[in-house]
Amino acid sequence: MNIIYVLIPIAIIIVAVAIVAFFWAVKSNQFEDLERQGHSILFDDDVKPLSKSEPQERD
């Protein structure tokens, strides 16, 4: 029964830290653009197209 006196304050502290971390993330715009990473996998913007003057690599 004595362990309850330790566990309840620890649980309250952990919940308080989680709430503070959540509000910090919202305030610092961590959740501003959730779709960009999902769409970035569909497009290869970093790959430049081969021109006809460049030699092609052979495997």
N, C-alpha and C. Protein backbone atom coordinates (compact mmCIF):
# COMPACT_ATOMS: atom_id res chain seq x y z
N MET A 1 0.81 -1.19 0.00
CA MET A 1 0.00 0.00 0.00
C MET A 1 0.86 1.26 0.00
N ASN A 2 2.03 1.18 0.57
CA ASN A 2 2.92 2.34 0.62
C ASN A 2 3.46 2.72 -0.76
N ILE A 3 3.53 1.74 -1.65
CA ILE A 3 4.04 2.02 -2.99
C ILE A 3 3.12 2.97 -3.76
N ILE A 4 1.84 2.99 -3.42
CA ILE A 4 0.88 3.90 -4.07
C ILE A 4 1.27 5.34 -3.82
N TYR A 5 1.81 5.62 -2.64
CA TYR A 5 2.22 6.98 -2.32
C TYR A 5 3.41 7.43 -3.16
N VAL A 6 4.12 6.50 -3.73
CA VAL A 6 5.25 6.82 -4.61
C VAL A 6 4.80 6.84 -6.07
N LEU A 7 3.99 5.87 -6.47
CA LEU A 7 3.62 5.73 -7.87
C LEU A 7 2.69 6.83 -8.38
N ILE A 8 1.78 7.28 -7.55
CA ILE A 8 0.83 8.30 -7.99
C ILE A 8 1.54 9.63 -8.29
N PRO A 9 2.42 10.14 -7.44
CA PRO A 9 3.14 11.36 -7.81
C PRO A 9 4.04 11.19 -9.04
N ILE A 10 4.65 10.02 -9.17
CA ILE A 10 5.49 9.77 -10.35
C ILE A 10 4.63 9.79 -11.61
N ALA A 11 3.47 9.17 -11.57
CA ALA A 11 2.56 9.16 -12.72
C ALA A 11 2.09 10.57 -13.06
N ILE A 12 1.80 11.38 -12.06
CA ILE A 12 1.37 12.76 -12.29
C ILE A 12 2.50 13.57 -12.93
N ILE A 13 3.72 13.36 -12.49
CA ILE A 13 4.86 14.06 -13.07
C ILE A 13 5.07 13.66 -14.52
N ILE A 14 4.96 12.37 -14.82
CA ILE A 14 5.14 11.89 -16.19
C ILE A 14 4.06 12.46 -17.11
N VAL A 15 2.83 12.49 -16.66
CA VAL A 15 1.74 13.05 -17.46
C VAL A 15 1.95 14.55 -17.68
N ALA A 16 2.39 15.25 -16.65
CA ALA A 16 2.65 16.68 -16.78
C ALA A 16 3.77 16.96 -17.79
N VAL A 17 4.81 16.15 -17.76
CA VAL A 17 5.91 16.30 -18.73
C VAL A 17 5.42 16.02 -20.15
N ALA A 18 4.59 15.02 -20.32
CA ALA A 18 4.04 14.70 -21.64
C ALA A 18 3.16 15.83 -22.16
N ILE A 19 2.37 16.42 -21.31
CA ILE A 19 1.50 17.53 -21.73
C ILE A 19 2.34 18.75 -22.11
N VAL A 20 3.37 19.04 -21.33
CA VAL A 20 4.25 20.17 -21.66
C VAL A 20 4.97 19.91 -22.98
N ALA A 21 5.44 18.70 -23.22
CA ALA A 21 6.11 18.36 -24.47
C ALA A 21 5.16 18.49 -25.65
N PHE A 22 3.92 18.09 -25.48
CA PHE A 22 2.94 18.21 -26.56
C PHE A 22 2.67 19.66 -26.91
N PHE A 23 2.44 20.50 -25.89
CA PHE A 23 2.17 21.91 -26.16
C PHE A 23 3.40 22.62 -26.73
N TRP A 24 4.61 22.22 -26.33
CA TRP A 24 5.82 22.77 -26.93
C TRP A 24 5.90 22.41 -28.42
N ALA A 25 5.56 21.17 -28.76
CA ALA A 25 5.61 20.74 -30.16
C ALA A 25 4.58 21.50 -30.99
N VAL A 26 3.41 21.73 -30.45
CA VAL A 26 2.38 22.49 -31.17
C VAL A 26 2.82 23.94 -31.34
N LYS A 27 3.38 24.52 -30.30
CA LYS A 27 3.80 25.92 -30.36
C LYS A 27 4.96 26.13 -31.33
N SER A 28 5.84 25.16 -31.47
CA SER A 28 6.99 25.29 -32.37
C SER A 28 6.70 24.74 -33.76
N ASN A 29 5.42 24.56 -34.10
CA ASN A 29 4.97 24.18 -35.45
C ASN A 29 5.50 22.83 -35.91
N GLN A 30 5.61 21.88 -35.03
CA GLN A 30 6.05 20.54 -35.41
C GLN A 30 4.99 19.80 -36.22
N PHE A 31 3.74 20.19 -36.07
CA PHE A 31 2.64 19.51 -36.75
C PHE A 31 2.10 20.34 -37.90
N GLU A 32 2.87 21.28 -38.42
CA GLU A 32 2.39 22.21 -39.43
C GLU A 32 2.13 21.52 -40.77
N ASP A 33 3.06 20.71 -41.25
CA ASP A 33 2.93 20.10 -42.57
C ASP A 33 3.07 18.58 -42.45
N LEU A 34 1.97 17.90 -42.25
CA LEU A 34 2.01 16.45 -42.07
C LEU A 34 1.96 15.69 -43.39
N GLU A 35 1.55 16.34 -44.46
CA GLU A 35 1.38 15.66 -45.74
C GLU A 35 2.64 15.66 -46.60
N ARG A 36 3.57 16.56 -46.37
CA ARG A 36 4.74 16.70 -47.23
C ARG A 36 5.57 15.43 -47.28
N GLN A 37 5.84 14.83 -46.14
CA GLN A 37 6.67 13.63 -46.13
C GLN A 37 5.97 12.46 -46.80
N GLY A 38 4.66 12.41 -46.70
CA GLY A 38 3.92 11.34 -47.36
C GLY A 38 3.93 11.48 -48.88
N HIS A 39 3.93 12.71 -49.36
CA HIS A 39 3.94 12.95 -50.80
C HIS A 39 5.35 12.94 -51.37
N SER A 40 6.34 13.21 -50.57
CA SER A 40 7.71 13.31 -51.10
C SER A 40 8.22 11.96 -51.60
N ILE A 41 7.67 10.86 -51.10
CA ILE A 41 8.12 9.55 -51.57
C ILE A 41 7.65 9.28 -53.00
N LEU A 42 6.62 9.98 -53.43
CA LEU A 42 6.07 9.74 -54.75
C LEU A 42 6.83 10.46 -55.85
N PHE A 43 7.58 11.48 -55.51
CA PHE A 43 8.25 12.31 -56.51
C PHE A 43 9.76 12.25 -56.30
N ASP A 44 10.50 12.06 -57.40
CA ASP A 44 11.96 12.02 -57.34
C ASP A 44 12.50 13.36 -57.83
N ASP A 45 12.43 14.38 -57.01
CA ASP A 45 12.91 15.69 -57.41
C ASP A 45 14.43 15.78 -57.41
N ASP A 46 15.10 14.94 -56.66
CA ASP A 46 16.55 15.03 -56.56
C ASP A 46 17.27 14.30 -57.69
N VAL A 47 16.57 13.54 -58.51
CA VAL A 47 17.17 12.81 -59.62
C VAL A 47 17.03 13.65 -60.87
N LYS A 48 18.18 14.00 -61.48
CA LYS A 48 18.10 14.79 -62.71
C LYS A 48 18.00 13.85 -63.91
N PRO A 49 17.27 14.24 -64.93
CA PRO A 49 17.12 13.37 -66.10
C PRO A 49 18.42 13.32 -66.89
N LEU A 50 18.65 12.18 -67.54
CA LEU A 50 19.83 12.02 -68.36
C LEU A 50 19.66 12.78 -69.68
N SER A 51 20.69 13.51 -70.05
CA SER A 51 20.66 14.16 -71.36
C SER A 51 21.32 13.23 -72.38
N LYS A 52 21.11 13.48 -73.61
CA LYS A 52 21.64 12.60 -74.66
C LYS A 52 23.14 12.72 -74.79
N SER A 53 23.72 13.84 -74.35
CA SER A 53 25.17 14.01 -74.47
C SER A 53 25.93 13.32 -73.36
N GLU A 54 25.27 12.96 -72.27
CA GLU A 54 25.95 12.28 -71.17
C GLU A 54 26.04 10.78 -71.45
N PRO A 55 27.19 10.19 -71.21
CA PRO A 55 27.30 8.73 -71.39
C PRO A 55 26.49 7.99 -70.33
N GLN A 56 25.91 6.89 -70.74
CA GLN A 56 25.12 6.10 -69.81
C GLN A 56 26.02 5.10 -69.10
N GLU A 57 25.71 4.84 -67.84
CA GLU A 57 26.48 3.87 -67.08
C GLU A 57 25.99 2.47 -67.41
N ARG A 58 26.93 1.54 -67.45
CA ARG A 58 26.56 0.14 -67.70
C ARG A 58 26.73 -0.63 -66.42
N ASP A 59 25.83 -1.54 -66.19
CA ASP A 59 25.89 -2.38 -64.98
C ASP A 59 26.79 -3.56 -65.18
